[in-house]
Amino acid sequence: MKLRGFRAAALVLALAVLAVPALAAEEAPSAWAQAEVEAAREAGLVPEALDGKYDAPITRAEFCALAASLYRVWEAQGLVEAAEPQVDAFTDCGDEDVLLCAALGVVNGVGDGRFAPDDPIARQEAAVMLHRLAGLRTEPETILPHVFADGADLRSWSREGVYWAYARGVMAGVGDNRFDPDGPYTREQSMATVLRLYDRAYAVPPEPEAEEEPPYREVTDNVGVGVHREHVEDAEGNILLADLWDCGGIFYETAIFGKWVSVMAPDFRTAMYNWETGQLLEGWQLESVDEASGAGWAIPAENTVGYGYARQLIRADGTMGRQYAAAGVWRDGRAMVWSDRETLSAIDRDGDILWSCPADASWRGYVIPTDGTGDRLVVNLWENGNWLIQNGQARFFPSVQNLRALRWSDSYIVGENGYYTLYGPDGTALYGPFPNAMDEVGQDLYTRWVNDWTYEYFRCPAGGAPQVLFTVYVVNGRPGDLPTDGAGVYALRTDTREITCFDRFGDTLGVLETDIDIDIFTDITFEDGCVLVTREAFNGEPAHAARYLPTGERLE
């Protein structure tokens, strides 16, 4: 019995010894973070209480502990001024590191005198805290915006910090030009970024994006009065397709989509050409494309589907999908198609079906490829009303003659007898009815007619309440889409010489004061996240060009 007990004890001890390396490996930082975590530890930046569970989301109080460690190292080196903790700053937290960071202006509360020390922080919150922490040592600097693919999710209070942290290599993106503003932030990520503030040698500045010059460009030729002609040429001025149809490369119409060139001769013959492979498709023509996702439709020379409006899926990289009976144009990498004679489906640029819904055979004659936008479709049955197909659901609107599926927002607009109402996806009326006009101009952003040339701009998320942003005089008579950076920042003329920039949440980012009156000849556009105000010379007035940050500062 004693022998058995001894063997059992030995076995338990052996298993415990064998378990130690596994536990240590589990507690070790991720491979990418090991060197930075070790360097941060050696620099005295990692509090003992945080030295473990490296992939766990970091809390607000824990991040303050890291920030306070860095501050104290700087203080010991004489790089920052001494500060005392802000006693009794919060009703729910008396942690000395939190109170020190509050006194330094690195963190704020969450309202009602609370700090919420155990709440995890999001990536955009971390960027703001890191930016404020860096500001204790260095003077503020102007950082140009970066247009992230998911930049629309950045909140107004975080943009400066995110742009700075990304540009200075303190925080990296998460891939595919995304920042993931609301994503979690881990202990090891926090240690690495605090180290990058301490020692710039560890910074990972973003690699500059290589701007590839397109090999071909469209050129307009005015052959004669009232005669419009175009050609496509390369950087050396050599005309493309000069031998096609004895046209000399001069066509009635041209279009370029990635590696595809579409042409139409004066006698309306059409062709598509792949400049990389040399493939020539006579009788084909580009119809609608989505530049952002690199997907589009071409009209093929032959309908192999056998029914509906045959369209060929093409991509900007020069590849093709299959033919479909198309039911709408491409938006955000999605389009609506007839997957069979009784089913409408949404597909992505790879041709994969995202969702499907049954369709009435009587719809077929009423669905044309331009009726839908992305994975949303309106079927207008004229005297009988409209069907709205959205997110795989079909809803019937009897006797409604003006129904619009919106491009960016999950809501829809219904017009009846000259009055327009915004509805949420559940069929609830959100705003209206109002006479004459209501339009979507951005994500959850709309305009509605007030009186002649005056429109109200309002924000209304699906299921939410309307928030009136501006009531302005529209110089062009009726608003179009708002100028945007493509990532949730918009620009609007709000006075004769004033442009207001705001985000999709309705928060104002800044007001631009211009040197000229903004009229119908003035263009407001975005370039690399900055606002361009331009006007060509006319009537003796000189040309004008100025560039601004969305926060209002003019750039030289």
Protein backbone atom coordinates (compact mmCIF):
# COMPACT_ATOMS: atom_id res chain seq x y z
CA MET A 1 0.00 0.00 0.00
CA LYS A 2 2.83 2.34 0.84
CA LEU A 3 4.47 1.53 -2.49
CA ARG A 4 1.28 2.35 -4.33
CA GLY A 5 1.02 5.60 -2.44
CA PHE A 6 4.60 6.49 -3.26
CA ARG A 7 4.06 5.73 -6.95
CA ALA A 8 0.87 7.78 -7.01
CA ALA A 9 2.62 10.72 -5.39
CA ALA A 10 5.51 10.43 -7.82
CA LEU A 11 3.11 10.32 -10.75
CA VAL A 12 1.34 13.46 -9.54
CA LEU A 13 4.70 15.22 -9.12
CA ALA A 14 5.84 14.13 -12.58
CA LEU A 15 2.63 15.36 -14.18
CA ALA A 16 3.01 18.68 -12.36
CA VAL A 17 6.58 19.05 -13.63
CA LEU A 18 5.50 18.20 -17.17
CA ALA A 19 2.70 20.76 -16.96
CA VAL A 20 5.02 23.67 -16.15
CA PRO A 21 6.38 24.25 -19.69
CA ALA A 22 2.85 24.11 -21.13
CA LEU A 23 1.64 26.67 -18.61
CA ALA A 24 4.63 28.91 -19.27
CA ALA A 25 4.03 28.71 -23.01
CA GLU A 26 0.39 29.61 -22.46
CA GLU A 27 1.43 32.63 -20.37
CA ALA A 28 4.07 33.82 -22.84
CA PRO A 29 3.35 36.82 -25.11
CA SER A 30 2.48 36.18 -28.74
CA ALA A 31 5.46 35.64 -31.03
CA TRP A 32 5.17 39.11 -32.59
CA ALA A 33 5.10 40.79 -29.14
CA GLN A 34 7.78 38.87 -27.24
CA ALA A 35 10.70 41.19 -27.99
CA GLU A 36 8.69 44.35 -27.28
CA VAL A 37 7.17 43.01 -24.07
CA GLU A 38 10.65 42.00 -22.83
CA ALA A 39 12.06 45.43 -23.75
CA ALA A 40 9.15 47.16 -21.98
CA ARG A 41 9.72 44.97 -18.93
CA GLU A 42 13.43 45.83 -18.84
CA ALA A 43 12.63 49.55 -19.16
CA GLY A 44 10.41 49.37 -16.07
CA LEU A 45 7.20 50.00 -18.03
CA VAL A 46 5.32 46.81 -17.10
CA PRO A 47 3.71 46.68 -13.64
CA GLU A 48 4.05 43.27 -12.04
CA ALA A 49 0.28 42.86 -11.81
CA LEU A 50 -0.01 43.07 -15.62
CA ASP A 51 2.89 40.76 -16.43
CA GLY A 52 0.77 37.84 -17.63
CA LYS A 53 -2.40 36.97 -19.56
CA TYR A 54 -0.92 38.98 -22.41
CA ASP A 55 -3.70 38.34 -24.92
CA ALA A 56 -6.45 39.39 -22.48
CA PRO A 57 -8.33 42.63 -23.27
CA ILE A 58 -6.86 45.43 -21.18
CA THR A 59 -9.12 47.44 -18.89
CA ARG A 60 -9.22 51.19 -18.45
CA ALA A 61 -7.49 50.98 -15.06
CA GLU A 62 -4.83 48.57 -16.35
CA PHE A 63 -4.01 50.87 -19.26
CA CYS A 64 -3.61 53.71 -16.77
CA ALA A 65 -1.10 51.57 -14.85
CA LEU A 66 1.03 51.25 -18.00
CA ALA A 67 0.68 54.96 -18.81
CA ALA A 68 1.62 55.90 -15.24
CA SER A 69 4.72 53.66 -15.41
CA LEU A 70 5.91 55.45 -18.53
CA TYR A 71 5.21 58.86 -17.00
CA ARG A 72 7.23 58.00 -13.88
CA VAL A 73 10.17 56.83 -16.02
CA TRP A 74 10.03 60.14 -17.91
CA GLU A 75 9.74 62.04 -14.65
CA ALA A 76 12.84 60.29 -13.25
CA GLN A 77 14.70 61.28 -16.42
CA GLY A 78 13.59 64.92 -16.03
CA LEU A 79 11.60 64.83 -19.28
CA VAL A 80 8.22 65.85 -17.83
CA GLU A 81 7.00 68.01 -14.99
CA ALA A 82 5.92 66.41 -11.74
CA ALA A 83 2.19 66.03 -11.09
CA GLU A 84 0.03 64.93 -8.17
CA PRO A 85 -2.88 62.47 -8.46
CA GLN A 86 -6.29 64.10 -8.83
CA VAL A 87 -7.77 63.08 -5.48
CA ASP A 88 -11.49 62.17 -5.40
CA ALA A 89 -11.75 62.56 -9.18
CA PHE A 90 -14.16 59.64 -9.53
CA THR A 91 -16.83 58.08 -7.37
CA ASP A 92 -16.07 54.51 -8.46
CA CYS A 93 -12.27 54.46 -8.51
CA GLY A 94 -9.53 55.51 -6.10
CA ASP A 95 -6.64 53.81 -7.91
CA GLU A 96 -3.54 56.03 -7.70
CA ASP A 97 -2.48 55.36 -11.32
CA VAL A 98 -5.95 56.28 -12.59
CA LEU A 99 -5.99 59.47 -10.51
CA LEU A 100 -2.51 60.40 -11.79
CA CYS A 101 -3.55 59.88 -15.43
CA ALA A 102 -6.67 61.96 -14.82
CA ALA A 103 -4.54 64.78 -13.36
CA LEU A 104 -2.28 64.61 -16.42
CA GLY A 105 -5.26 64.80 -18.81
CA VAL A 106 -4.49 61.39 -20.28
CA VAL A 107 -7.90 59.93 -19.35
CA ASN A 108 -11.39 61.22 -18.69
CA GLY A 109 -14.36 59.74 -16.92
CA VAL A 110 -17.39 58.17 -18.59
CA GLY A 111 -19.91 60.61 -17.10
CA ASP A 112 -21.77 61.08 -13.82
CA GLY A 113 -18.45 61.19 -11.95
CA ARG A 114 -17.61 57.60 -12.90
CA PHE A 115 -14.45 56.14 -14.43
CA ALA A 116 -15.55 52.51 -15.04
CA PRO A 117 -12.09 51.08 -14.23
CA ASP A 118 -12.93 47.50 -15.19
CA ASP A 119 -14.36 48.29 -18.64
CA PRO A 120 -12.18 47.18 -21.57
CA ILE A 121 -10.90 49.89 -23.90
CA ALA A 122 -11.38 49.98 -27.66
CA ARG A 123 -8.57 50.62 -30.12
CA GLN A 124 -9.63 54.20 -30.84
CA GLU A 125 -9.72 54.92 -27.10
CA ALA A 126 -6.18 53.56 -26.75
CA ALA A 127 -5.00 55.80 -29.60
CA VAL A 128 -6.43 58.89 -27.89
CA MET A 129 -4.76 58.04 -24.56
CA LEU A 130 -1.42 57.37 -26.24
CA HIS A 131 -1.64 60.67 -28.12
CA ARG A 132 -2.35 62.59 -24.90
CA LEU A 133 0.47 60.77 -23.14
CA ALA A 134 2.91 61.72 -25.91
CA GLY A 135 1.72 65.31 -25.63
CA LEU A 136 3.20 65.54 -22.14
CA ARG A 137 6.65 65.59 -23.77
CA THR A 138 6.21 67.01 -27.26
CA GLU A 139 4.39 69.96 -28.80
CA PRO A 140 1.22 69.17 -30.79
CA GLU A 141 1.89 68.64 -34.50
CA THR A 142 -0.28 68.71 -37.59
CA ILE A 143 -0.97 65.20 -38.85
CA LEU A 144 -2.73 64.66 -42.18
CA PRO A 145 -5.75 62.35 -42.12
CA HIS A 146 -5.48 58.74 -43.22
CA VAL A 147 -8.48 57.38 -45.09
CA PHE A 148 -9.04 53.95 -43.56
CA ALA A 149 -11.41 51.52 -45.24
CA ASP A 150 -13.42 51.47 -41.99
CA GLY A 151 -12.78 55.13 -41.18
CA ALA A 152 -16.51 55.83 -41.06
CA ASP A 153 -16.54 54.10 -37.67
CA LEU A 154 -14.07 56.58 -36.15
CA ARG A 155 -15.69 58.95 -33.70
CA SER A 156 -14.94 62.66 -33.89
CA TRP A 157 -13.13 62.70 -30.53
CA SER A 158 -10.72 59.95 -31.64
CA ARG A 159 -9.69 61.04 -35.14
CA GLU A 160 -6.72 63.20 -34.16
CA GLY A 161 -5.36 60.52 -31.85
CA VAL A 162 -5.85 57.70 -34.35
CA TYR A 163 -4.22 59.64 -37.21
CA TRP A 164 -1.28 60.55 -34.99
CA ALA A 165 -0.77 57.05 -33.54
CA TYR A 166 -0.92 55.48 -37.00
CA ALA A 167 1.34 58.04 -38.71
CA ARG A 168 3.97 57.87 -35.95
CA GLY A 169 4.05 54.06 -35.93
CA VAL A 170 2.76 53.82 -32.38
CA MET A 171 -0.28 51.80 -33.46
CA ALA A 172 -0.60 49.75 -36.65
CA GLY A 173 -3.75 48.86 -38.54
CA VAL A 174 -5.30 45.40 -38.53
CA GLY A 175 -4.81 44.70 -42.26
CA ASP A 176 -6.57 45.62 -45.51
CA ASN A 177 -6.21 49.32 -44.62
CA ARG A 178 -8.53 48.88 -41.61
CA PHE A 179 -8.04 50.29 -38.12
CA ASP A 180 -10.95 48.52 -36.36
CA PRO A 181 -11.78 51.51 -34.12
CA ASP A 182 -14.15 49.61 -31.84
CA GLY A 183 -12.07 46.44 -31.70
CA PRO A 184 -10.52 45.17 -28.45
CA TYR A 185 -7.02 46.09 -27.28
CA THR A 186 -4.90 43.55 -25.41
CA ARG A 187 -2.30 43.80 -22.68
CA GLU A 188 0.56 42.89 -25.02
CA GLN A 189 -0.58 45.41 -27.62
CA SER A 190 -0.71 48.07 -24.91
CA MET A 191 2.79 47.17 -23.68
CA ALA A 192 4.16 47.33 -27.22
CA THR A 193 2.63 50.73 -27.94
CA VAL A 194 3.73 52.25 -24.63
CA LEU A 195 7.25 51.01 -25.42
CA ARG A 196 7.06 52.76 -28.81
CA LEU A 197 6.39 56.03 -27.00
CA TYR A 198 9.37 55.40 -24.75
CA ASP A 199 11.75 54.37 -27.55
CA ARG A 200 11.03 55.45 -31.11
CA ALA A 201 13.33 52.70 -32.36
CA TYR A 202 10.42 50.30 -31.84
CA ALA A 203 7.95 52.39 -33.90
CA VAL A 204 6.40 50.71 -36.94
CA PRO A 205 5.43 53.59 -39.25
CA PRO A 206 3.04 52.60 -42.04
CA GLU A 207 4.66 51.76 -45.33
CA PRO A 208 3.80 54.37 -47.97
CA GLU A 209 1.33 53.00 -50.47
CA ALA A 210 2.89 52.68 -53.90
CA GLU A 211 0.80 54.69 -56.33
CA GLU A 212 0.79 52.77 -59.55
CA GLU A 213 0.38 54.97 -62.60
CA PRO A 214 -2.40 53.59 -64.82
CA PRO A 215 -0.90 52.49 -68.15
CA TYR A 216 -3.73 54.02 -70.17
CA ARG A 217 -5.92 57.11 -70.03
CA GLU A 218 -8.98 58.37 -71.86
CA VAL A 219 -8.61 61.46 -74.05
CA THR A 220 -11.45 63.51 -75.53
CA ASP A 221 -11.10 64.62 -79.16
CA ASN A 222 -13.21 67.37 -80.70
CA VAL A 223 -13.11 66.38 -84.34
CA GLY A 224 -15.66 68.95 -85.37
CA VAL A 225 -18.40 71.19 -84.07
CA GLY A 226 -20.96 69.06 -82.25
CA VAL A 227 -18.95 65.89 -82.88
CA HIS A 228 -17.67 64.04 -79.82
CA ARG A 229 -14.84 61.55 -80.17
CA GLU A 230 -12.52 59.81 -77.68
CA HIS A 231 -9.42 57.66 -77.72
CA VAL A 232 -7.30 55.73 -75.23
CA GLU A 233 -3.54 56.23 -75.11
CA ASP A 234 -0.56 55.09 -73.05
CA ALA A 235 1.99 57.25 -71.22
CA GLU A 236 3.97 57.78 -74.45
CA GLY A 237 0.87 58.90 -76.35
CA ASN A 238 0.48 55.69 -78.37
CA ILE A 239 -3.18 55.18 -79.29
CA LEU A 240 -4.71 51.87 -78.20
CA LEU A 241 -6.73 49.73 -80.67
CA ALA A 242 -5.67 51.88 -83.60
CA ASP A 243 -6.28 48.97 -86.01
CA LEU A 244 -9.78 48.10 -84.82
CA TRP A 245 -12.55 48.62 -87.43
CA ASP A 246 -10.42 51.11 -89.40
CA CYS A 247 -11.28 53.78 -86.80
CA GLY A 248 -7.69 54.77 -86.17
CA GLY A 249 -8.39 54.28 -82.47
CA ILE A 250 -10.85 57.20 -82.44
CA PHE A 251 -14.21 56.12 -80.99
CA TYR A 252 -17.60 57.53 -80.15
CA GLU A 253 -17.23 56.35 -76.55
CA THR A 254 -14.51 54.80 -74.38
CA ALA A 255 -14.34 53.54 -70.79
CA ILE A 256 -11.56 52.06 -68.64
CA PHE A 257 -12.15 49.68 -65.74
CA GLY A 258 -8.94 48.27 -64.32
CA LYS A 259 -7.42 46.11 -67.05
CA TRP A 260 -10.49 46.39 -69.26
CA VAL A 261 -11.07 48.98 -71.98
CA SER A 262 -14.53 49.32 -73.53
CA VAL A 263 -15.04 51.14 -76.85
CA MET A 264 -17.95 52.05 -79.13
CA ALA A 265 -17.44 52.98 -82.78
CA PRO A 266 -19.36 55.78 -84.49
CA ASP A 267 -21.53 53.08 -86.12
CA PHE A 268 -22.24 51.71 -82.58
CA ARG A 269 -20.19 48.55 -82.86
CA THR A 270 -18.77 47.70 -79.44
CA ALA A 271 -15.83 45.77 -78.05
CA MET A 272 -13.97 45.14 -74.81
CA TYR A 273 -10.20 44.70 -74.65
CA ASN A 274 -8.00 43.30 -71.88
CA TRP A 275 -4.77 45.27 -72.18
CA GLU A 276 -2.84 42.75 -70.06
CA THR A 277 -3.77 39.57 -71.93
CA GLY A 278 -4.63 41.08 -75.32
CA GLN A 279 -8.09 39.43 -75.28
CA LEU A 280 -10.54 41.21 -77.62
CA LEU A 281 -14.28 40.64 -77.15
CA GLU A 282 -16.21 42.13 -80.07
CA GLY A 283 -19.85 42.91 -79.41
CA TRP A 284 -19.21 43.31 -75.66
CA GLN A 285 -19.64 46.52 -73.65
CA LEU A 286 -19.10 47.73 -70.08
CA GLU A 287 -22.39 48.64 -68.46
CA SER A 288 -21.94 49.40 -64.75
CA VAL A 289 -18.97 48.97 -62.45
CA ASP A 290 -18.18 49.42 -58.77
CA GLU A 291 -14.69 50.92 -58.65
CA ALA A 292 -14.40 50.49 -54.87
CA SER A 293 -14.79 46.71 -54.93
CA GLY A 294 -13.43 46.12 -58.42
CA ALA A 295 -16.56 44.31 -59.65
CA GLY A 296 -18.91 45.19 -62.49
CA TRP A 297 -21.20 44.11 -65.29
CA ALA A 298 -20.49 43.84 -69.00
CA ILE A 299 -23.11 43.28 -71.68
CA PRO A 300 -21.98 40.12 -73.52
CA ALA A 301 -22.36 39.55 -77.24
CA GLU A 302 -24.42 36.41 -76.59
CA ASN A 303 -26.94 35.54 -73.88
CA THR A 304 -25.98 32.12 -72.51
CA VAL A 305 -28.32 32.40 -69.52
CA GLY A 306 -31.35 31.99 -71.75
CA TYR A 307 -33.61 34.38 -69.85
CA GLY A 308 -33.57 37.83 -68.28
CA TYR A 309 -30.97 40.51 -68.86
CA ALA A 310 -27.72 38.59 -69.43
CA ARG A 311 -24.72 40.28 -67.86
CA GLN A 312 -21.15 39.05 -67.46
CA LEU A 313 -19.42 39.44 -64.10
CA ILE A 314 -16.06 41.13 -64.68
CA ARG A 315 -13.40 42.31 -62.28
CA ALA A 316 -10.91 45.15 -62.46
CA ASP A 317 -8.02 42.66 -62.28
CA GLY A 318 -8.98 41.40 -65.74
CA THR A 319 -10.72 38.20 -64.63
CA MET A 320 -14.32 37.16 -65.28
CA GLY A 321 -17.04 35.28 -63.46
CA ARG A 322 -20.01 33.67 -65.13
CA GLN A 323 -23.04 35.13 -66.84
CA TYR A 324 -26.08 36.02 -64.79
CA ALA A 325 -29.57 37.32 -65.37
CA ALA A 326 -28.78 40.58 -63.61
CA ALA A 327 -31.29 42.47 -61.49
CA GLY A 328 -29.22 45.43 -60.31
CA VAL A 329 -25.93 47.31 -60.36
CA TRP A 330 -22.88 46.61 -58.20
CA ARG A 331 -22.46 48.44 -54.90
CA ASP A 332 -20.04 47.57 -52.10
CA GLY A 333 -19.05 44.37 -53.87
CA ARG A 334 -22.61 43.05 -54.12
CA ALA A 335 -25.26 42.73 -56.81
CA MET A 336 -28.72 41.19 -57.26
CA VAL A 337 -29.30 38.43 -59.83
CA TRP A 338 -31.87 35.84 -60.81
CA SER A 339 -30.21 32.64 -59.56
CA ASP A 340 -33.04 30.74 -61.28
CA ARG A 341 -36.38 31.66 -62.79
CA GLU A 342 -38.09 31.82 -59.40
CA THR A 343 -35.34 33.08 -57.10
CA LEU A 344 -33.60 36.41 -56.62
CA SER A 345 -30.20 36.27 -54.93
CA ALA A 346 -27.48 38.62 -53.77
CA ILE A 347 -23.96 37.66 -54.86
CA ASP A 348 -20.48 38.94 -54.04
CA ARG A 349 -17.65 39.63 -56.47
CA ASP A 350 -16.59 35.97 -56.34
CA GLY A 351 -20.07 34.90 -57.43
CA ASP A 352 -20.93 33.38 -54.05
CA ILE A 353 -24.60 33.66 -53.03
CA LEU A 354 -25.07 35.75 -49.88
CA TRP A 355 -28.83 35.23 -49.54
CA SER A 356 -31.86 34.36 -51.67
CA CYS A 357 -35.59 34.97 -51.65
CA PRO A 358 -38.47 33.56 -53.70
CA ALA A 359 -39.65 35.75 -56.56
CA ASP A 360 -42.98 35.97 -58.34
CA ALA A 361 -42.65 35.14 -62.02
CA SER A 362 -44.64 38.28 -62.86
CA TRP A 363 -41.73 40.41 -61.59
CA ARG A 364 -39.42 39.41 -64.42
CA GLY A 365 -40.58 42.01 -66.89
CA TYR A 366 -40.27 44.75 -64.28
CA VAL A 367 -36.73 44.03 -63.07
CA ILE A 368 -33.92 45.56 -65.10
CA PRO A 369 -30.22 45.67 -64.18
CA THR A 370 -30.32 49.29 -63.02
CA ASP A 371 -33.27 48.89 -60.60
CA GLY A 372 -31.18 47.48 -57.77
CA THR A 373 -28.28 48.91 -55.85
CA GLY A 374 -25.99 46.28 -54.34
CA ASP A 375 -28.12 43.77 -52.44
CA ARG A 376 -31.25 45.97 -52.47
CA LEU A 377 -33.90 45.99 -55.17
CA VAL A 378 -37.18 47.72 -55.94
CA VAL A 379 -39.65 45.96 -58.24
CA ASN A 380 -42.09 48.54 -59.60
CA LEU A 381 -45.34 46.88 -60.74
CA TRP A 382 -46.72 50.23 -61.85
CA GLU A 383 -50.46 50.29 -61.11
CA ASN A 384 -50.16 47.52 -58.50
CA GLY A 385 -47.47 49.06 -56.29
CA ASN A 386 -43.90 48.12 -55.43
CA TRP A 387 -41.93 45.29 -53.88
CA LEU A 388 -38.84 46.05 -51.80
CA ILE A 389 -36.28 43.24 -51.56
CA GLN A 390 -33.68 43.84 -48.88
CA ASN A 391 -31.58 41.52 -46.70
CA GLY A 392 -33.36 38.51 -48.16
CA GLN A 393 -36.83 39.78 -47.25
CA ALA A 394 -39.54 40.94 -49.68
CA ARG A 395 -42.15 43.53 -48.63
CA PHE A 396 -45.10 44.71 -50.74
CA PHE A 397 -46.23 48.34 -50.87
CA PRO A 398 -49.64 48.53 -52.60
CA SER A 399 -50.46 51.64 -54.64
CA VAL A 400 -47.11 53.25 -53.86
CA GLN A 401 -45.59 54.71 -57.02
CA ASN A 402 -42.35 56.14 -55.61
CA LEU A 403 -40.30 53.74 -53.49
CA ARG A 404 -36.53 53.93 -53.17
CA ALA A 405 -34.10 51.38 -51.75
CA LEU A 406 -31.25 53.47 -50.43
CA ARG A 407 -27.60 53.13 -51.40
CA TRP A 408 -25.84 53.53 -48.03
CA SER A 409 -28.56 53.26 -45.40
CA ASP A 410 -30.82 50.42 -44.24
CA SER A 411 -33.93 52.61 -44.40
CA TYR A 412 -36.08 53.46 -47.44
CA ILE A 413 -38.05 56.43 -48.77
CA VAL A 414 -41.69 56.29 -49.88
CA GLY A 415 -43.29 59.04 -51.97
CA GLU A 416 -47.08 59.42 -52.12
CA ASN A 417 -48.95 62.28 -53.78
CA GLY A 418 -45.88 64.53 -53.77
CA TYR A 419 -45.04 63.87 -50.10
CA TYR A 420 -42.06 61.83 -48.91
CA THR A 421 -41.49 59.80 -45.74
CA LEU A 422 -38.39 58.04 -44.42
CA TYR A 423 -39.08 54.54 -43.07
CA GLY A 424 -36.94 52.21 -40.99
CA PRO A 425 -36.32 48.59 -42.02
CA ASP A 426 -39.15 47.41 -39.75
CA GLY A 427 -41.67 49.63 -41.56
CA THR A 428 -41.81 52.35 -38.90
CA ALA A 429 -42.11 55.93 -40.18
CA LEU A 430 -39.02 57.81 -38.99
CA TYR A 431 -39.45 61.30 -40.48
CA GLY A 432 -42.05 63.01 -42.62
CA PRO A 433 -44.13 63.26 -44.67
CA PHE A 434 -42.65 66.35 -46.31
CA PRO A 435 -43.52 67.85 -49.71
CA ASN A 436 -41.54 67.90 -52.95
CA ALA A 437 -38.27 66.10 -52.21
CA MET A 438 -36.38 63.83 -49.82
CA ASP A 439 -33.04 62.22 -50.75
CA GLU A 440 -30.28 60.13 -49.21
CA VAL A 441 -26.95 61.98 -49.46
CA GLY A 442 -24.68 59.83 -47.24
CA GLN A 443 -24.72 57.01 -44.70
CA ASP A 444 -27.82 57.68 -42.54
CA LEU A 445 -27.75 61.26 -43.91
CA TYR A 446 -30.64 62.82 -45.82
CA THR A 447 -32.03 66.07 -47.19
CA ARG A 448 -35.60 67.25 -47.44
CA TRP A 449 -37.11 70.27 -49.20
CA VAL A 450 -38.00 73.27 -47.02
CA ASN A 451 -38.70 75.97 -49.60
CA ASP A 452 -37.18 77.19 -52.87
CA TRP A 453 -33.46 76.28 -52.86
CA THR A 454 -33.48 75.68 -49.09
CA TYR A 455 -32.97 72.18 -47.74
CA GLU A 456 -32.73 70.60 -44.33
CA TYR A 457 -29.92 68.10 -43.78
CA PHE A 458 -30.68 65.53 -41.14
CA ARG A 459 -29.28 62.30 -39.75
CA CYS A 460 -31.48 59.34 -38.97
CA PRO A 461 -30.02 55.87 -38.33
CA ALA A 462 -32.27 52.89 -38.99
CA GLY A 463 -34.64 52.62 -36.05
CA GLY A 464 -33.48 55.94 -34.60
CA ALA A 465 -34.85 59.44 -34.25
CA PRO A 466 -34.06 62.24 -36.74
CA GLN A 467 -31.38 64.75 -35.81
CA VAL A 468 -31.49 68.00 -37.80
CA LEU A 469 -27.93 69.05 -38.64
CA PHE A 470 -28.21 72.06 -40.98
CA THR A 471 -30.76 74.10 -42.90
CA VAL A 472 -28.96 75.69 -45.83
CA TYR A 473 -29.39 77.47 -49.13
CA VAL A 474 -28.35 75.07 -51.91
CA VAL A 475 -26.60 76.93 -54.73
CA ASN A 476 -27.29 74.22 -57.33
CA GLY A 477 -31.03 74.22 -56.73
CA ARG A 478 -31.21 70.65 -55.42
CA PRO A 479 -28.66 68.73 -53.35
CA GLY A 480 -26.71 65.85 -54.79
CA ASP A 481 -24.53 63.40 -52.92
CA LEU A 482 -22.40 65.08 -50.28
CA PRO A 483 -18.68 65.41 -51.07
CA THR A 484 -16.97 62.74 -48.95
CA ASP A 485 -13.56 61.26 -48.28
CA GLY A 486 -15.19 57.87 -48.79
CA ALA A 487 -14.78 56.96 -45.12
CA GLY A 488 -17.50 58.80 -43.23
CA VAL A 489 -16.35 62.45 -43.46
CA TYR A 490 -18.59 64.88 -45.39
CA ALA A 491 -18.33 68.52 -46.50
CA LEU A 492 -21.28 70.91 -46.89
CA ARG A 493 -21.51 74.56 -47.90
CA THR A 494 -23.23 76.17 -44.90
CA ASP A 495 -22.71 79.84 -45.81
CA THR A 496 -21.43 82.01 -48.64
CA ARG A 497 -17.79 81.40 -47.68
CA GLU A 498 -18.15 78.56 -45.20
CA ILE A 499 -17.88 74.80 -45.47
CA THR A 500 -18.72 72.56 -42.52
CA CYS A 501 -17.13 69.12 -42.24
CA PHE A 502 -18.95 66.49 -40.20
CA ASP A 503 -19.01 62.72 -39.79
CA ARG A 504 -21.71 60.12 -40.28
CA PHE A 505 -22.62 60.40 -36.60
CA GLY A 506 -23.58 64.06 -37.14
CA ASP A 507 -20.63 65.45 -35.18
CA THR A 508 -19.00 68.59 -36.61
CA LEU A 509 -15.27 68.17 -37.21
CA GLY A 510 -14.51 71.74 -38.27
CA VAL A 511 -15.59 74.81 -40.24
CA LEU A 512 -13.57 75.93 -43.28
CA GLU A 513 -13.45 79.67 -44.04
CA THR A 514 -12.83 80.17 -47.77
CA ASP A 515 -11.40 83.18 -49.63
CA ILE A 516 -14.04 83.10 -52.35
CA ASP A 517 -17.82 82.95 -52.58
CA ILE A 518 -18.91 79.34 -53.05
CA ASP A 519 -21.16 79.26 -56.10
CA ILE A 520 -22.21 76.82 -58.81
CA PHE A 521 -18.75 77.11 -60.41
CA THR A 522 -16.95 76.06 -57.23
CA ASP A 523 -16.01 72.41 -56.68
CA ILE A 524 -15.75 70.90 -53.20
CA THR A 525 -13.94 67.56 -53.27
CA PHE A 526 -11.68 65.38 -51.11
CA GLU A 527 -8.14 64.20 -51.79
CA ASP A 528 -6.28 61.97 -49.32
CA GLY A 529 -8.67 62.97 -46.55
CA CYS A 530 -8.27 66.73 -47.14
CA VAL A 531 -10.87 69.11 -48.57
CA LEU A 532 -10.13 70.77 -51.91
CA VAL A 533 -11.94 73.97 -52.89
CA THR A 534 -11.32 74.77 -56.55
CA ARG A 535 -12.72 76.99 -59.28
CA GLU A 536 -11.53 77.59 -62.81
CA ALA A 537 -10.88 81.10 -64.07
CA PHE A 538 -13.96 82.76 -65.63
CA ASN A 539 -15.36 86.23 -66.31
CA GLY A 540 -12.02 87.79 -65.44
CA GLU A 541 -11.88 86.05 -62.06
CA PRO A 542 -8.63 84.15 -61.45
CA ALA A 543 -8.57 80.41 -60.83
CA HIS A 544 -8.69 79.35 -57.20
CA ALA A 545 -7.39 76.26 -55.38
CA ALA A 546 -7.11 75.74 -51.63
CA ARG A 547 -6.65 72.67 -49.43
CA TYR A 548 -7.93 72.27 -45.87
CA LEU A 549 -7.95 69.74 -43.08
CA PRO A 550 -11.50 68.66 -42.18
CA THR A 551 -10.90 70.40 -38.84
CA GLY A 552 -10.71 73.73 -40.70
CA GLU A 553 -6.99 74.51 -40.92
CA ARG A 554 -5.80 75.65 -44.33
CA LEU A 555 -2.77 73.81 -45.72
CA GLU A 556 -0.12 75.49 -47.82
